[in-house]
Amino acid sequence: MHQQTNRNVPPSLPFVEFFTFPQYSTRSNNDGTPSATVMENRPPAMAEIEVTMVENHANLKILSKKRHRQLLRMVSELQCLWFTVLHLNVTTVDHMVLYSLSVKLEDGCQLSTVDEIANAVNCILGRIEEEAL
């Protein structure tokens, strides 16, 4: 399989239109500067991550590279953070995977904001990435 590539145009990510205001983004801004998450002195973005919340329920959208046992590890670590996964959808295209999760924050959960949850998910993905190397 041969693909033509144009070095001046970055490859488009599938599903990127599903992200309105991601807390973490691997893409550059339109002007070519790194995404806002890099400029906010956060750890590098491991994926496109967007978290929205209503009361003690959160919706997570995560677009990342596929990794071996990634979903199992992610769900397990979210449960350790006192999240109950209510709904999970997985969609894959080539080497990318889009996870859409609906979770409930249980009484013991120490995370209470979309930024805290996004940071935790980014850290989880970072550990999975390190182990894959």
N, C-alpha and C. Protein backbone atom coordinates (compact mmCIF):
# COMPACT_ATOMS: atom_id res chain seq x y z
N MET A 1 0.84 -1.17 0.00
CA MET A 1 0.00 0.00 0.00
C MET A 1 0.89 1.24 0.00
N HIS A 2 0.71 2.11 -0.98
CA HIS A 2 1.53 3.30 -1.11
C HIS A 2 0.67 4.54 -0.90
N GLN A 3 1.12 5.39 0.00
CA GLN A 3 0.39 6.63 0.26
C GLN A 3 1.23 7.80 -0.20
N GLN A 4 0.58 8.76 -0.82
CA GLN A 4 1.27 9.99 -1.16
C GLN A 4 1.17 10.92 0.03
N THR A 5 2.27 11.59 0.32
CA THR A 5 2.25 12.54 1.43
C THR A 5 2.75 13.88 0.95
N ASN A 6 2.18 14.91 1.47
CA ASN A 6 2.62 16.27 1.21
C ASN A 6 3.24 16.76 2.51
N ARG A 7 4.52 17.05 2.49
CA ARG A 7 5.23 17.42 3.73
C ARG A 7 4.75 18.74 4.31
N ASN A 8 4.08 19.57 3.52
CA ASN A 8 3.62 20.87 4.01
C ASN A 8 2.27 20.80 4.71
N VAL A 9 1.54 19.72 4.52
CA VAL A 9 0.21 19.58 5.11
C VAL A 9 0.25 18.47 6.14
N PRO A 10 -0.03 18.79 7.43
CA PRO A 10 -0.01 17.73 8.44
C PRO A 10 -1.14 16.73 8.18
N PRO A 11 -0.89 15.45 8.47
CA PRO A 11 -1.95 14.47 8.27
C PRO A 11 -3.14 14.77 9.17
N SER A 12 -4.33 14.60 8.65
CA SER A 12 -5.51 14.89 9.46
C SER A 12 -5.82 13.69 10.35
N LEU A 13 -6.25 13.99 11.56
CA LEU A 13 -6.62 12.93 12.49
C LEU A 13 -8.08 12.58 12.29
N PRO A 14 -8.39 11.29 12.29
CA PRO A 14 -9.80 10.94 12.22
C PRO A 14 -10.49 11.39 13.51
N PHE A 15 -11.75 11.70 13.42
CA PHE A 15 -12.60 12.03 14.58
C PHE A 15 -12.28 13.37 15.23
N VAL A 16 -11.34 14.12 14.69
CA VAL A 16 -10.94 15.35 15.34
C VAL A 16 -12.09 16.36 15.42
N GLU A 17 -13.05 16.25 14.52
CA GLU A 17 -14.20 17.15 14.55
C GLU A 17 -15.11 16.90 15.75
N PHE A 18 -14.93 15.80 16.46
CA PHE A 18 -15.73 15.50 17.65
C PHE A 18 -15.26 16.27 18.88
N PHE A 19 -14.12 16.95 18.79
CA PHE A 19 -13.55 17.66 19.93
C PHE A 19 -13.80 19.15 19.78
N THR A 20 -14.56 19.73 20.73
CA THR A 20 -14.88 21.14 20.68
C THR A 20 -13.84 21.96 21.44
N PHE A 21 -13.64 21.64 22.72
CA PHE A 21 -12.69 22.35 23.57
C PHE A 21 -11.87 21.33 24.37
N PRO A 22 -10.95 20.63 23.71
CA PRO A 22 -10.17 19.61 24.44
C PRO A 22 -9.25 20.24 25.48
N GLN A 23 -9.14 19.58 26.63
CA GLN A 23 -8.19 20.03 27.65
C GLN A 23 -6.77 19.69 27.23
N TYR A 24 -6.60 18.61 26.46
CA TYR A 24 -5.30 18.22 25.93
C TYR A 24 -5.45 18.00 24.43
N SER A 25 -4.47 18.47 23.68
CA SER A 25 -4.50 18.29 22.24
C SER A 25 -3.09 18.05 21.73
N THR A 26 -2.96 17.12 20.81
CA THR A 26 -1.67 16.82 20.19
C THR A 26 -1.46 17.67 18.95
N ARG A 27 -2.49 18.41 18.54
CA ARG A 27 -2.41 19.22 17.32
C ARG A 27 -1.86 20.61 17.63
N SER A 28 -1.32 21.24 16.61
CA SER A 28 -0.89 22.63 16.71
C SER A 28 -2.08 23.53 16.45
N ASN A 29 -1.99 24.77 16.90
CA ASN A 29 -3.01 25.76 16.57
C ASN A 29 -2.90 26.12 15.09
N ASN A 30 -3.88 26.81 14.58
CA ASN A 30 -3.89 27.20 13.18
C ASN A 30 -2.66 28.00 12.77
N ASP A 31 -2.07 28.73 13.70
CA ASP A 31 -0.91 29.55 13.37
C ASP A 31 0.41 28.77 13.49
N GLY A 32 0.33 27.46 13.75
CA GLY A 32 1.52 26.63 13.81
C GLY A 32 2.17 26.54 15.17
N THR A 33 1.66 27.29 16.16
CA THR A 33 2.23 27.22 17.51
C THR A 33 1.68 25.98 18.21
N PRO A 34 2.40 25.49 19.22
CA PRO A 34 1.89 24.33 19.95
C PRO A 34 0.53 24.62 20.57
N SER A 35 -0.20 23.56 20.85
CA SER A 35 -1.52 23.73 21.45
C SER A 35 -1.41 24.41 22.82
N ALA A 36 -2.52 24.96 23.29
CA ALA A 36 -2.54 25.70 24.55
C ALA A 36 -2.07 24.84 25.71
N THR A 37 -2.30 23.54 25.66
CA THR A 37 -1.92 22.69 26.78
C THR A 37 -0.42 22.68 26.98
N VAL A 38 0.36 22.77 25.91
CA VAL A 38 1.82 22.80 26.04
C VAL A 38 2.24 24.12 26.69
N MET A 39 1.59 25.20 26.31
CA MET A 39 1.97 26.51 26.82
C MET A 39 1.53 26.72 28.26
N GLU A 40 0.68 25.88 28.79
CA GLU A 40 0.23 26.01 30.17
C GLU A 40 1.10 25.21 31.13
N ASN A 41 2.29 24.80 30.70
CA ASN A 41 3.24 24.05 31.52
C ASN A 41 2.69 22.73 32.04
N ARG A 42 1.82 22.13 31.27
CA ARG A 42 1.33 20.79 31.61
C ARG A 42 2.27 19.77 30.98
N PRO A 43 2.16 18.51 31.39
CA PRO A 43 2.91 17.48 30.69
C PRO A 43 2.45 17.44 29.24
N PRO A 44 3.27 16.92 28.34
CA PRO A 44 2.87 16.85 26.93
C PRO A 44 1.58 16.05 26.77
N ALA A 45 0.77 16.46 25.82
CA ALA A 45 -0.48 15.76 25.55
C ALA A 45 -0.19 14.39 24.94
N MET A 46 -0.76 13.35 25.53
CA MET A 46 -0.59 11.99 25.02
C MET A 46 -1.67 11.66 24.00
N ALA A 47 -2.72 12.48 23.95
CA ALA A 47 -3.87 12.21 23.09
C ALA A 47 -4.73 13.46 23.04
N GLU A 48 -5.75 13.42 22.18
CA GLU A 48 -6.79 14.43 22.24
C GLU A 48 -7.68 14.00 23.41
N ILE A 49 -7.87 14.85 24.39
CA ILE A 49 -8.66 14.51 25.57
C ILE A 49 -9.61 15.66 25.85
N GLU A 50 -10.91 15.34 25.90
CA GLU A 50 -11.92 16.34 26.25
C GLU A 50 -12.84 15.75 27.31
N VAL A 51 -13.01 16.48 28.39
CA VAL A 51 -13.87 16.05 29.49
C VAL A 51 -14.94 17.11 29.70
N THR A 52 -16.19 16.67 29.81
CA THR A 52 -17.30 17.54 30.18
C THR A 52 -17.97 16.92 31.40
N MET A 53 -18.58 17.77 32.24
CA MET A 53 -19.20 17.27 33.46
C MET A 53 -20.55 17.91 33.71
N VAL A 54 -21.43 17.12 34.33
CA VAL A 54 -22.68 17.60 34.89
C VAL A 54 -22.82 16.88 36.23
N GLU A 55 -22.79 17.67 37.30
CA GLU A 55 -22.84 17.14 38.67
C GLU A 55 -21.77 16.09 38.85
N ASN A 56 -22.12 14.85 39.21
CA ASN A 56 -21.10 13.81 39.44
C ASN A 56 -20.99 12.83 38.27
N HIS A 57 -21.36 13.27 37.09
CA HIS A 57 -21.20 12.46 35.88
C HIS A 57 -20.29 13.19 34.91
N ALA A 58 -19.39 12.45 34.27
CA ALA A 58 -18.46 13.05 33.31
C ALA A 58 -18.49 12.26 32.01
N ASN A 59 -18.29 12.99 30.92
CA ASN A 59 -18.12 12.36 29.61
C ASN A 59 -16.69 12.61 29.18
N LEU A 60 -16.01 11.54 28.77
CA LEU A 60 -14.63 11.62 28.34
C LEU A 60 -14.55 11.22 26.88
N LYS A 61 -13.85 12.01 26.09
CA LYS A 61 -13.53 11.66 24.72
C LYS A 61 -12.02 11.62 24.62
N ILE A 62 -11.51 10.51 24.14
CA ILE A 62 -10.06 10.31 24.08
C ILE A 62 -9.72 9.75 22.70
N LEU A 63 -8.89 10.46 21.97
CA LEU A 63 -8.41 9.99 20.67
C LEU A 63 -6.92 9.78 20.79
N SER A 64 -6.49 8.52 20.64
CA SER A 64 -5.07 8.22 20.82
C SER A 64 -4.62 7.14 19.85
N LYS A 65 -3.32 6.92 19.87
CA LYS A 65 -2.77 5.78 19.13
C LYS A 65 -3.21 4.51 19.83
N LYS A 66 -3.45 3.47 19.05
CA LYS A 66 -3.79 2.18 19.65
C LYS A 66 -2.56 1.61 20.33
N ARG A 67 -2.74 1.10 21.52
CA ARG A 67 -1.68 0.43 22.27
C ARG A 67 -2.22 -0.89 22.80
N HIS A 68 -1.32 -1.86 22.95
CA HIS A 68 -1.69 -3.16 23.47
C HIS A 68 -2.22 -3.02 24.90
N ARG A 69 -3.40 -3.57 25.17
CA ARG A 69 -4.04 -3.57 26.49
C ARG A 69 -4.39 -2.18 27.01
N GLN A 70 -4.45 -1.19 26.12
CA GLN A 70 -4.71 0.18 26.53
C GLN A 70 -6.08 0.35 27.18
N LEU A 71 -7.11 -0.20 26.57
CA LEU A 71 -8.47 -0.04 27.11
C LEU A 71 -8.58 -0.70 28.49
N LEU A 72 -8.06 -1.89 28.62
CA LEU A 72 -8.10 -2.59 29.91
C LEU A 72 -7.41 -1.78 30.99
N ARG A 73 -6.21 -1.27 30.69
CA ARG A 73 -5.47 -0.47 31.67
C ARG A 73 -6.21 0.81 32.02
N MET A 74 -6.76 1.47 31.00
CA MET A 74 -7.46 2.73 31.23
C MET A 74 -8.66 2.54 32.14
N VAL A 75 -9.49 1.55 31.83
CA VAL A 75 -10.68 1.30 32.65
C VAL A 75 -10.28 0.91 34.07
N SER A 76 -9.27 0.07 34.19
CA SER A 76 -8.81 -0.35 35.51
C SER A 76 -8.32 0.84 36.33
N GLU A 77 -7.54 1.72 35.72
CA GLU A 77 -7.03 2.88 36.46
C GLU A 77 -8.12 3.89 36.77
N LEU A 78 -9.10 4.04 35.88
CA LEU A 78 -10.24 4.92 36.18
C LEU A 78 -11.02 4.40 37.37
N GLN A 79 -11.19 3.08 37.45
CA GLN A 79 -11.88 2.49 38.60
C GLN A 79 -11.10 2.73 39.89
N CYS A 80 -9.77 2.71 39.81
CA CYS A 80 -8.94 2.99 40.99
C CYS A 80 -9.09 4.43 41.45
N LEU A 81 -9.49 5.32 40.53
CA LEU A 81 -9.72 6.72 40.87
C LEU A 81 -11.16 6.98 41.31
N TRP A 82 -11.93 5.92 41.54
CA TRP A 82 -13.31 5.99 42.00
C TRP A 82 -14.28 6.47 40.93
N PHE A 83 -14.04 6.04 39.69
CA PHE A 83 -14.99 6.26 38.60
C PHE A 83 -15.70 4.95 38.32
N THR A 84 -16.99 5.02 38.07
CA THR A 84 -17.73 3.87 37.59
C THR A 84 -18.05 4.12 36.13
N VAL A 85 -17.61 3.21 35.26
CA VAL A 85 -17.88 3.37 33.83
C VAL A 85 -19.32 2.94 33.56
N LEU A 86 -20.13 3.89 33.10
CA LEU A 86 -21.53 3.62 32.81
C LEU A 86 -21.74 3.21 31.35
N HIS A 87 -20.96 3.82 30.47
CA HIS A 87 -21.07 3.52 29.03
C HIS A 87 -19.71 3.70 28.40
N LEU A 88 -19.39 2.83 27.45
CA LEU A 88 -18.10 2.89 26.78
C LEU A 88 -18.30 2.57 25.32
N ASN A 89 -17.75 3.41 24.46
CA ASN A 89 -17.81 3.17 23.02
C ASN A 89 -16.38 3.25 22.49
N VAL A 90 -16.01 2.30 21.64
CA VAL A 90 -14.67 2.26 21.07
C VAL A 90 -14.81 2.22 19.55
N THR A 91 -14.13 3.15 18.87
CA THR A 91 -14.13 3.20 17.42
C THR A 91 -12.69 3.29 16.96
N THR A 92 -12.28 2.43 16.01
CA THR A 92 -10.91 2.45 15.54
C THR A 92 -10.85 2.75 14.05
N VAL A 93 -9.81 3.45 13.67
CA VAL A 93 -9.48 3.69 12.27
C VAL A 93 -7.96 3.59 12.16
N ASP A 94 -7.50 2.65 11.36
CA ASP A 94 -6.06 2.44 11.18
C ASP A 94 -5.38 2.27 12.53
N HIS A 95 -4.43 3.15 12.84
CA HIS A 95 -3.66 3.05 14.08
C HIS A 95 -4.22 3.92 15.21
N MET A 96 -5.40 4.54 14.98
CA MET A 96 -5.99 5.43 15.97
C MET A 96 -7.24 4.80 16.58
N VAL A 97 -7.55 5.22 17.80
CA VAL A 97 -8.74 4.73 18.48
C VAL A 97 -9.42 5.90 19.20
N LEU A 98 -10.74 5.95 19.08
CA LEU A 98 -11.55 6.96 19.78
C LEU A 98 -12.32 6.25 20.87
N TYR A 99 -12.09 6.65 22.12
CA TYR A 99 -12.85 6.13 23.25
C TYR A 99 -13.82 7.22 23.69
N SER A 100 -15.08 6.85 23.85
CA SER A 100 -16.09 7.74 24.42
C SER A 100 -16.61 7.05 25.66
N LEU A 101 -16.40 7.67 26.81
CA LEU A 101 -16.81 7.07 28.07
C LEU A 101 -17.76 7.99 28.82
N SER A 102 -18.75 7.39 29.42
CA SER A 102 -19.62 8.08 30.35
C SER A 102 -19.33 7.46 31.71
N VAL A 103 -18.91 8.30 32.65
CA VAL A 103 -18.52 7.78 33.97
C VAL A 103 -19.25 8.52 35.08
N LYS A 104 -19.37 7.85 36.21
CA LYS A 104 -19.93 8.46 37.42
C LYS A 104 -18.80 8.58 38.43
N LEU A 105 -18.67 9.76 39.03
CA LEU A 105 -17.67 9.97 40.07
C LEU A 105 -18.28 9.50 41.39
N GLU A 106 -17.70 8.48 41.98
CA GLU A 106 -18.22 7.92 43.22
C GLU A 106 -17.78 8.78 44.41
N ASP A 107 -18.34 8.48 45.59
CA ASP A 107 -18.11 9.30 46.78
C ASP A 107 -16.63 9.44 47.15
N GLY A 108 -15.81 8.43 46.91
CA GLY A 108 -14.40 8.50 47.28
C GLY A 108 -13.52 9.20 46.26
N CYS A 109 -14.08 9.67 45.17
CA CYS A 109 -13.30 10.29 44.09
C CYS A 109 -12.70 11.62 44.55
N GLN A 110 -11.40 11.78 44.35
CA GLN A 110 -10.70 13.00 44.74
C GLN A 110 -10.67 14.04 43.62
N LEU A 111 -11.12 13.68 42.42
CA LEU A 111 -11.11 14.58 41.28
C LEU A 111 -12.48 15.22 41.14
N SER A 112 -12.51 16.54 40.93
CA SER A 112 -13.81 17.19 40.90
C SER A 112 -13.99 18.16 39.73
N THR A 113 -12.95 18.39 38.93
CA THR A 113 -13.07 19.31 37.80
C THR A 113 -12.69 18.61 36.50
N VAL A 114 -13.11 19.20 35.39
CA VAL A 114 -12.77 18.62 34.08
C VAL A 114 -11.25 18.63 33.88
N ASP A 115 -10.57 19.66 34.35
CA ASP A 115 -9.11 19.71 34.19
C ASP A 115 -8.41 18.63 35.00
N GLU A 116 -8.88 18.39 36.23
CA GLU A 116 -8.28 17.33 37.05
C GLU A 116 -8.47 15.97 36.41
N ILE A 117 -9.66 15.73 35.88
CA ILE A 117 -9.94 14.44 35.22
C ILE A 117 -9.09 14.29 33.96
N ALA A 118 -9.03 15.36 33.15
CA ALA A 118 -8.22 15.31 31.93
C ALA A 118 -6.74 15.07 32.26
N ASN A 119 -6.23 15.72 33.31
CA ASN A 119 -4.85 15.50 33.74
C ASN A 119 -4.62 14.04 34.12
N ALA A 120 -5.57 13.46 34.87
CA ALA A 120 -5.44 12.07 35.29
C ALA A 120 -5.44 11.13 34.08
N VAL A 121 -6.32 11.38 33.12
CA VAL A 121 -6.37 10.54 31.91
C VAL A 121 -5.08 10.67 31.13
N ASN A 122 -4.56 11.89 31.00
CA ASN A 122 -3.30 12.10 30.28
C ASN A 122 -2.16 11.35 30.97
N CYS A 123 -2.14 11.37 32.30
CA CYS A 123 -1.10 10.63 33.05
C CYS A 123 -1.23 9.13 32.84
N ILE A 124 -2.46 8.62 32.85
CA ILE A 124 -2.69 7.20 32.60
C ILE A 124 -2.15 6.82 31.22
N LEU A 125 -2.48 7.62 30.22
CA LEU A 125 -2.01 7.34 28.86
C LEU A 125 -0.49 7.44 28.77
N GLY A 126 0.10 8.36 29.52
CA GLY A 126 1.55 8.48 29.55
C GLY A 126 2.22 7.24 30.12
N ARG A 127 1.65 6.68 31.17
CA ARG A 127 2.20 5.44 31.75
C ARG A 127 2.07 4.28 30.78
N ILE A 128 0.94 4.20 30.08
CA ILE A 128 0.72 3.13 29.09
C ILE A 128 1.74 3.27 27.96
N GLU A 129 1.98 4.50 27.53
CA GLU A 129 2.96 4.77 26.46
C GLU A 129 4.36 4.35 26.89
N GLU A 130 4.74 4.73 28.13
CA GLU A 130 6.08 4.37 28.65
C GLU A 130 6.27 2.87 28.69
N GLU A 131 5.24 2.15 29.14
CA GLU A 131 5.34 0.70 29.23
C GLU A 131 5.42 0.05 27.86
N ALA A 132 4.84 0.70 26.85
CA ALA A 132 4.85 0.14 25.49
C ALA A 132 6.23 0.28 24.85
N LEU A 133 7.04 1.21 25.35
CA LEU A 133 8.37 1.46 24.74
C LEU A 133 9.41 0.49 25.20
